[in-house]
């Protein structure tokens, strides 16, 4: 009731999330910034060899149904 949760998961090769800090790409940075602008949150869980789960949460805006 408080917002929308989008979850995407795969069973791919995974990665070490701390490696994204040193990345030159803008994908993770862009996703985090867009969610921050609307008061949302991004959580990424990944383990090498076990896949990745990406969760994006956006709060409901007052007055929306």
PDB file of N, CA and C in Angstrom:
ATOM      1  N   UNK A   1       0.809  -1.213   0.000  1.00  0.00           N
ATOM      2  CA  UNK A   1       0.000   0.000   0.000  1.00  0.00           C
ATOM      3  C   UNK A   1       0.847   1.270   0.000  1.00  0.00           C
ATOM      4  N   UNK A   2       2.120   1.131   0.366  1.00  0.00           N
ATOM      5  CA  UNK A   2       2.964   2.323   0.477  1.00  0.00           C
ATOM      6  C   UNK A   2       3.742   2.643  -0.787  1.00  0.00           C
ATOM      7  N   UNK A   3       3.715   1.745  -1.769  1.00  0.00           N
ATOM      8  CA  UNK A   3       4.474   1.994  -2.985  1.00  0.00           C
ATOM      9  C   UNK A   3       4.498   0.774  -3.889  1.00  0.00           C
ATOM     10  N   UNK A   4       5.416   0.817  -4.829  1.00  0.00           N
ATOM     11  CA  UNK A   4       5.555  -0.261  -5.806  1.00  0.00           C
ATOM     12  C   UNK A   4       6.948  -0.855  -5.679  1.00  0.00           C
ATOM     13  N   UNK A   5       7.014  -2.188  -5.657  1.00  0.00           N
ATOM     14  CA  UNK A   5       8.283  -2.898  -5.618  1.00  0.00           C
ATOM     15  C   UNK A   5       8.430  -3.679  -6.912  1.00  0.00           C
ATOM     16  N   UNK A   6       9.519  -3.436  -7.616  1.00  0.00           N
ATOM     17  CA  UNK A   6       9.847  -4.176  -8.826  1.00  0.00           C
ATOM     18  C   UNK A   6      11.059  -5.039  -8.518  1.00  0.00           C
ATOM     19  N   UNK A   7      10.934  -6.336  -8.768  1.00  0.00           N
ATOM     20  CA  UNK A   7      12.045  -7.240  -8.512  1.00  0.00           C
ATOM     21  C   UNK A   7      12.358  -8.019  -9.778  1.00  0.00           C
ATOM     22  N   UNK A   8      13.625  -8.013 -10.152  1.00  0.00           N
ATOM     23  CA  UNK A   8      14.098  -8.753 -11.317  1.00  0.00           C
ATOM     24  C   UNK A   8      15.229  -9.647 -10.845  1.00  0.00           C
ATOM     25  N   UNK A   9      15.154 -10.933 -11.212  1.00  0.00           N
ATOM     26  CA  UNK A   9      16.210 -11.844 -10.797  1.00  0.00           C
ATOM     27  C   UNK A   9      16.615 -12.741 -11.956  1.00  0.00           C
ATOM     28  N   UNK A  10      17.843 -13.243 -11.874  1.00  0.00           N
ATOM     29  CA  UNK A  10      18.311 -14.199 -12.855  1.00  0.00           C
ATOM     30  C   UNK A  10      19.207 -15.222 -12.172  1.00  0.00           C
ATOM     31  N   UNK A  11      19.506 -16.274 -12.889  1.00  0.00           N
ATOM     32  CA  UNK A  11      20.392 -17.310 -12.352  1.00  0.00           C
ATOM     33  C   UNK A  11      21.684 -17.350 -13.167  1.00  0.00           C
ATOM     34  N   UNK A  12      22.119 -16.167 -13.590  1.00  0.00           N
ATOM     35  CA  UNK A  12      23.313 -16.037 -14.418  1.00  0.00           C
ATOM     36  C   UNK A  12      24.603 -16.146 -13.633  1.00  0.00           C
ATOM     37  N   UNK A  13      25.645 -15.535 -14.163  1.00  0.00           N
ATOM     38  CA  UNK A  13      26.978 -15.683 -13.565  1.00  0.00           C
ATOM     39  C   UNK A  13      27.183 -14.819 -12.329  1.00  0.00           C
ATOM     40  N   UNK A  14      26.344 -13.813 -12.130  1.00  0.00           N
ATOM     41  CA  UNK A  14      26.474 -12.942 -10.972  1.00  0.00           C
ATOM     42  C   UNK A  14      27.722 -12.076 -11.050  1.00  0.00           C
ATOM     43  N   UNK A  15      27.950 -11.301  -9.995  1.00  0.00           N
ATOM     44  CA  UNK A  15      29.125 -10.434  -9.913  1.00  0.00           C
ATOM     45  C   UNK A  15      29.310 -10.013  -8.464  1.00  0.00           C
ATOM     46  N   UNK A  16      30.426  -9.393  -8.176  1.00  0.00           N
ATOM     47  CA  UNK A  16      30.665  -8.856  -6.842  1.00  0.00           C
ATOM     48  C   UNK A  16      30.153  -7.420  -6.826  1.00  0.00           C
ATOM     49  N   UNK A  17      29.104  -7.122  -6.041  1.00  0.00           N
ATOM     50  CA  UNK A  17      28.532  -5.773  -6.047  1.00  0.00           C
ATOM     51  C   UNK A  17      29.561  -4.667  -5.776  1.00  0.00           C
ATOM     52  N   UNK A  18      30.560  -4.945  -4.968  1.00  0.00           N
ATOM     53  CA  UNK A  18      31.562  -3.909  -4.686  1.00  0.00           C
ATOM     54  C   UNK A  18      32.375  -3.545  -5.928  1.00  0.00           C
ATOM     55  N   UNK A  19      32.397  -4.421  -6.936  1.00  0.00           N
ATOM     56  CA  UNK A  19      33.097  -4.112  -8.181  1.00  0.00           C
ATOM     57  C   UNK A  19      32.412  -2.995  -8.957  1.00  0.00           C
ATOM     58  N   UNK A  20      31.132  -2.764  -8.714  1.00  0.00           N
ATOM     59  CA  UNK A  20      30.416  -1.709  -9.439  1.00  0.00           C
ATOM     60  C   UNK A  20      30.871  -0.323  -9.003  1.00  0.00           C
ATOM     61  N   UNK A  21      31.467  -0.220  -7.815  1.00  0.00           N
ATOM     62  CA  UNK A  21      31.965   1.072  -7.333  1.00  0.00           C
ATOM     63  C   UNK A  21      33.087   1.570  -8.240  1.00  0.00           C
ATOM     64  N   UNK A  22      33.895   0.656  -8.750  1.00  0.00           N
ATOM     65  CA  UNK A  22      35.026   1.020  -9.610  1.00  0.00           C
ATOM     66  C   UNK A  22      34.659   1.041 -11.089  1.00  0.00           C
ATOM     67  N   UNK A  23      33.443   0.716 -11.410  1.00  0.00           N
ATOM     68  CA  UNK A  23      33.008   0.640 -12.800  1.00  0.00           C
ATOM     69  C   UNK A  23      32.973   2.028 -13.441  1.00  0.00           C
ATOM     70  N   UNK A  24      33.265   2.066 -14.732  1.00  0.00           N
ATOM     71  CA  UNK A  24      33.191   3.333 -15.465  1.00  0.00           C
ATOM     72  C   UNK A  24      31.821   3.534 -16.111  1.00  0.00           C
ATOM     73  N   UNK A  25      30.955   2.518 -16.045  1.00  0.00           N
ATOM     74  CA  UNK A  25      29.623   2.625 -16.624  1.00  0.00           C
ATOM     75  C   UNK A  25      28.693   3.475 -15.771  1.00  0.00           C
ATOM     76  N   UNK A  26      27.593   3.876 -16.370  1.00  0.00           N
ATOM     77  CA  UNK A  26      26.631   4.723 -15.665  1.00  0.00           C
ATOM     78  C   UNK A  26      25.338   4.010 -15.307  1.00  0.00           C
ATOM     79  N   UNK A  27      25.208   2.731 -15.647  1.00  0.00           N
ATOM     80  CA  UNK A  27      23.963   2.008 -15.414  1.00  0.00           C
ATOM     81  C   UNK A  27      23.502   2.012 -13.969  1.00  0.00           C
ATOM     82  N   UNK A  28      24.343   1.560 -13.062  1.00  0.00           N
ATOM     83  CA  UNK A  28      23.979   1.502 -11.635  1.00  0.00           C
ATOM     84  C   UNK A  28      23.792   2.904 -11.063  1.00  0.00           C
ATOM     85  N   UNK A  29      24.699   3.803 -11.420  1.00  0.00           N
ATOM     86  CA  UNK A  29      24.612   5.182 -10.928  1.00  0.00           C
ATOM     87  C   UNK A  29      23.301   5.816 -11.377  1.00  0.00           C
ATOM     88  N   UNK A  30      22.949   5.615 -12.637  1.00  0.00           N
ATOM     89  CA  UNK A  30      21.728   6.188 -13.191  1.00  0.00           C
ATOM     90  C   UNK A  30      20.480   5.623 -12.508  1.00  0.00           C
ATOM     91  N   UNK A  31      20.450   4.299 -12.303  1.00  0.00           N
ATOM     92  CA  UNK A  31      19.290   3.694 -11.636  1.00  0.00           C
ATOM     93  C   UNK A  31      19.132   4.239 -10.224  1.00  0.00           C
ATOM     94  N   UNK A  32      20.230   4.305  -9.486  1.00  0.00           N
ATOM     95  CA  UNK A  32      20.167   4.814  -8.106  1.00  0.00           C
ATOM     96  C   UNK A  32      19.697   6.277  -8.074  1.00  0.00           C
ATOM     97  N   UNK A  33      20.233   7.093  -8.971  1.00  0.00           N
ATOM     98  CA  UNK A  33      19.884   8.511  -8.988  1.00  0.00           C
ATOM     99  C   UNK A  33      18.419   8.722  -9.346  1.00  0.00           C
ATOM    100  N   UNK A  34      17.919   7.998 -10.326  1.00  0.00           N
ATOM    101  CA  UNK A  34      16.513   8.151 -10.713  1.00  0.00           C
ATOM    102  C   UNK A  34      15.577   7.775  -9.565  1.00  0.00           C
ATOM    103  N   UNK A  35      15.912   6.701  -8.863  1.00  0.00           N
ATOM    104  CA  UNK A  35      15.073   6.303  -7.729  1.00  0.00           C
ATOM    105  C   UNK A  35      15.194   7.299  -6.577  1.00  0.00           C
ATOM    106  N   UNK A  36      16.393   7.824  -6.352  1.00  0.00           N
ATOM    107  CA  UNK A  36      16.583   8.818  -5.295  1.00  0.00           C
ATOM    108  C   UNK A  36      15.723  10.057  -5.557  1.00  0.00           C
ATOM    109  N   UNK A  37      15.621  10.451  -6.824  1.00  0.00           N
ATOM    110  CA  UNK A  37      14.852  11.644  -7.174  1.00  0.00           C
ATOM    111  C   UNK A  37      13.369  11.511  -6.847  1.00  0.00           C
ATOM    112  N   UNK A  38      12.841  10.299  -6.834  1.00  0.00           N
ATOM    113  CA  UNK A  38      11.424  10.089  -6.511  1.00  0.00           C
ATOM    114  C   UNK A  38      11.235   9.523  -5.104  1.00  0.00           C
ATOM    115  N   UNK A  39      12.307   9.528  -4.303  1.00  0.00           N
ATOM    116  CA  UNK A  39      12.215   9.043  -2.933  1.00  0.00           C
ATOM    117  C   UNK A  39      12.254   7.529  -2.811  1.00  0.00           C
ATOM    118  N   UNK A  40      12.704   6.864  -3.871  1.00  0.00           N
ATOM    119  CA  UNK A  40      12.746   5.403  -3.876  1.00  0.00           C
ATOM    120  C   UNK A  40      14.073   4.842  -3.406  1.00  0.00           C
ATOM    121  N   UNK A  41      14.226   3.540  -3.623  1.00  0.00           N
ATOM    122  CA  UNK A  41      15.414   2.835  -3.156  1.00  0.00           C
ATOM    123  C   UNK A  41      15.760   1.728  -4.139  1.00  0.00           C
ATOM    124  N   UNK A  42      17.045   1.459  -4.282  1.00  0.00           N
ATOM    125  CA  UNK A  42      17.527   0.387  -5.149  1.00  0.00           C
ATOM    126  C   UNK A  42      18.406  -0.534  -4.325  1.00  0.00           C
ATOM    127  N   UNK A  43      18.145  -1.831  -4.425  1.00  0.00           N
ATOM    128  CA  UNK A  43      18.949  -2.835  -3.735  1.00  0.00           C
ATOM    129  C   UNK A  43      19.360  -3.885  -4.749  1.00  0.00           C
ATOM    130  N   UNK A  44      20.653  -4.168  -4.797  1.00  0.00           N
ATOM    131  CA  UNK A  44      21.171  -5.168  -5.717  1.00  0.00           C
ATOM    132  C   UNK A  44      21.933  -6.205  -4.918  1.00  0.00           C
ATOM    133  N   UNK A  45      21.528  -7.469  -5.077  1.00  0.00           N
ATOM    134  CA  UNK A  45      22.202  -8.592  -4.419  1.00  0.00           C
ATOM    135  C   UNK A  45      22.721  -9.509  -5.519  1.00  0.00           C
ATOM    136  N   UNK A  46      24.000  -9.847  -5.434  1.00  0.00           N
ATOM    137  CA  UNK A  46      24.573 -10.731  -6.439  1.00  0.00           C
ATOM    138  C   UNK A  46      25.701 -11.539  -5.825  1.00  0.00           C
ATOM    139  N   UNK A  47      25.804 -12.772  -6.256  1.00  0.00           N
ATOM    140  CA  UNK A  47      26.868 -13.668  -5.823  1.00  0.00           C
ATOM    141  C   UNK A  47      27.428 -14.339  -7.069  1.00  0.00           C
ATOM    142  N   UNK A  48      28.749 -14.250  -7.265  1.00  0.00           N
ATOM    143  CA  UNK A  48      29.324 -14.906  -8.438  1.00  0.00           C
ATOM    144  C   UNK A  48      28.906 -16.378  -8.518  1.00  0.00           C
ATOM    145  N   UNK A  49      28.437 -16.774  -9.693  1.00  0.00           N
ATOM    146  CA  UNK A  49      27.996 -18.145  -9.917  1.00  0.00           C
ATOM    147  C   UNK A  49      26.580 -18.442  -9.474  1.00  0.00           C
ATOM    148  N   UNK A  50      25.898 -17.470  -8.874  1.00  0.00           N
ATOM    149  CA  UNK A  50      24.549 -17.708  -8.353  1.00  0.00           C
ATOM    150  C   UNK A  50      23.497 -16.731  -8.836  1.00  0.00           C
ATOM    151  N   UNK A  51      23.870 -15.774  -9.655  1.00  0.00           N
ATOM    152  CA  UNK A  51      22.876 -14.860 -10.199  1.00  0.00           C
ATOM    153  C   UNK A  51      22.766 -13.546  -9.449  1.00  0.00           C
ATOM    154  N   UNK A  52      21.745 -12.787  -9.829  1.00  0.00           N
ATOM    155  CA  UNK A  52      21.567 -11.424  -9.336  1.00  0.00           C
ATOM    156  C   UNK A  52      20.088 -11.149  -9.078  1.00  0.00           C
ATOM    157  N   UNK A  53      19.817 -10.361  -8.046  1.00  0.00           N
ATOM    158  CA  UNK A  53      18.464  -9.886  -7.760  1.00  0.00           C
ATOM    159  C   UNK A  53      18.540  -8.366  -7.659  1.00  0.00           C
ATOM    160  N   UNK A  54      17.708  -7.680  -8.435  1.00  0.00           N
ATOM    161  CA  UNK A  54      17.618  -6.224  -8.395  1.00  0.00           C
ATOM    162  C   UNK A  54      16.224  -5.869  -7.897  1.00  0.00           C
ATOM    163  N   UNK A  55      16.166  -5.062  -6.841  1.00  0.00           N
ATOM    164  CA  UNK A  55      14.883  -4.613  -6.284  1.00  0.00           C
ATOM    165  C   UNK A  55      14.836  -3.088  -6.322  1.00  0.00           C
ATOM    166  N   UNK A  56      13.806  -2.571  -6.956  1.00  0.00           N
ATOM    167  CA  UNK A  56      13.587  -1.126  -7.006  1.00  0.00           C
ATOM    168  C   UNK A  56      12.242  -0.836  -6.350  1.00  0.00           C
ATOM    169  N   UNK A  57      12.256   0.078  -5.393  1.00  0.00           N
ATOM    170  CA  UNK A  57      11.025   0.446  -4.689  1.00  0.00           C
ATOM    171  C   UNK A  57      10.766   1.930  -4.905  1.00  0.00           C
ATOM    172  N   UNK A  58       9.514   2.248  -5.247  1.00  0.00           N
ATOM    173  CA  UNK A  58       9.087   3.636  -5.444  1.00  0.00           C
ATOM    174  C   UNK A  58       7.895   3.886  -4.537  1.00  0.00           C
ATOM    175  N   UNK A  59       7.942   4.931  -3.704  1.00  0.00           N
ATOM    176  CA  UNK A  59       6.828   5.202  -2.809  1.00  0.00           C
ATOM    177  C   UNK A  59       5.608   5.708  -3.576  1.00  0.00           C
ATOM    178  N   UNK A  60       4.458   5.424  -3.020  1.00  0.00           N
ATOM    179  CA  UNK A  60       3.211   5.918  -3.592  1.00  0.00           C
ATOM    180  C   UNK A  60       3.115   7.426  -3.334  1.00  0.00           C
ATOM    181  N   UNK A  61       2.653   8.144  -4.322  1.00  0.00           N
ATOM    182  CA  UNK A  61       2.458   9.581  -4.189  1.00  0.00           C
ATOM    183  C   UNK A  61       1.098   9.818  -3.563  1.00  0.00           C
ATOM    184  N   UNK A  62       1.024  10.714  -2.587  1.00  0.00           N
ATOM    185  CA  UNK A  62      -0.245  11.012  -1.929  1.00  0.00           C
ATOM    186  C   UNK A  62      -1.304  11.387  -2.954  1.00  0.00           C
ATOM    187  N   UNK A  63      -2.466  10.791  -2.836  1.00  0.00           N
ATOM    188  CA  UNK A  63      -3.575  11.085  -3.729  1.00  0.00           C
ATOM    189  C   UNK A  63      -3.693  10.123  -4.903  1.00  0.00           C
ATOM    190  N   UNK A  64      -2.669   9.314  -5.150  1.00  0.00           N
ATOM    191  CA  UNK A  64      -2.757   8.312  -6.229  1.00  0.00           C
ATOM    192  C   UNK A  64      -3.553   7.127  -5.790  1.00  0.00           C
ATOM    193  N   UNK A  65      -4.251   6.518  -6.720  1.00  0.00           N
ATOM    194  CA  UNK A  65      -4.997   5.300  -6.373  1.00  0.00           C
ATOM    195  C   UNK A  65      -4.459   4.109  -7.103  1.00  0.00           C
TER     196      UNK A  65
END
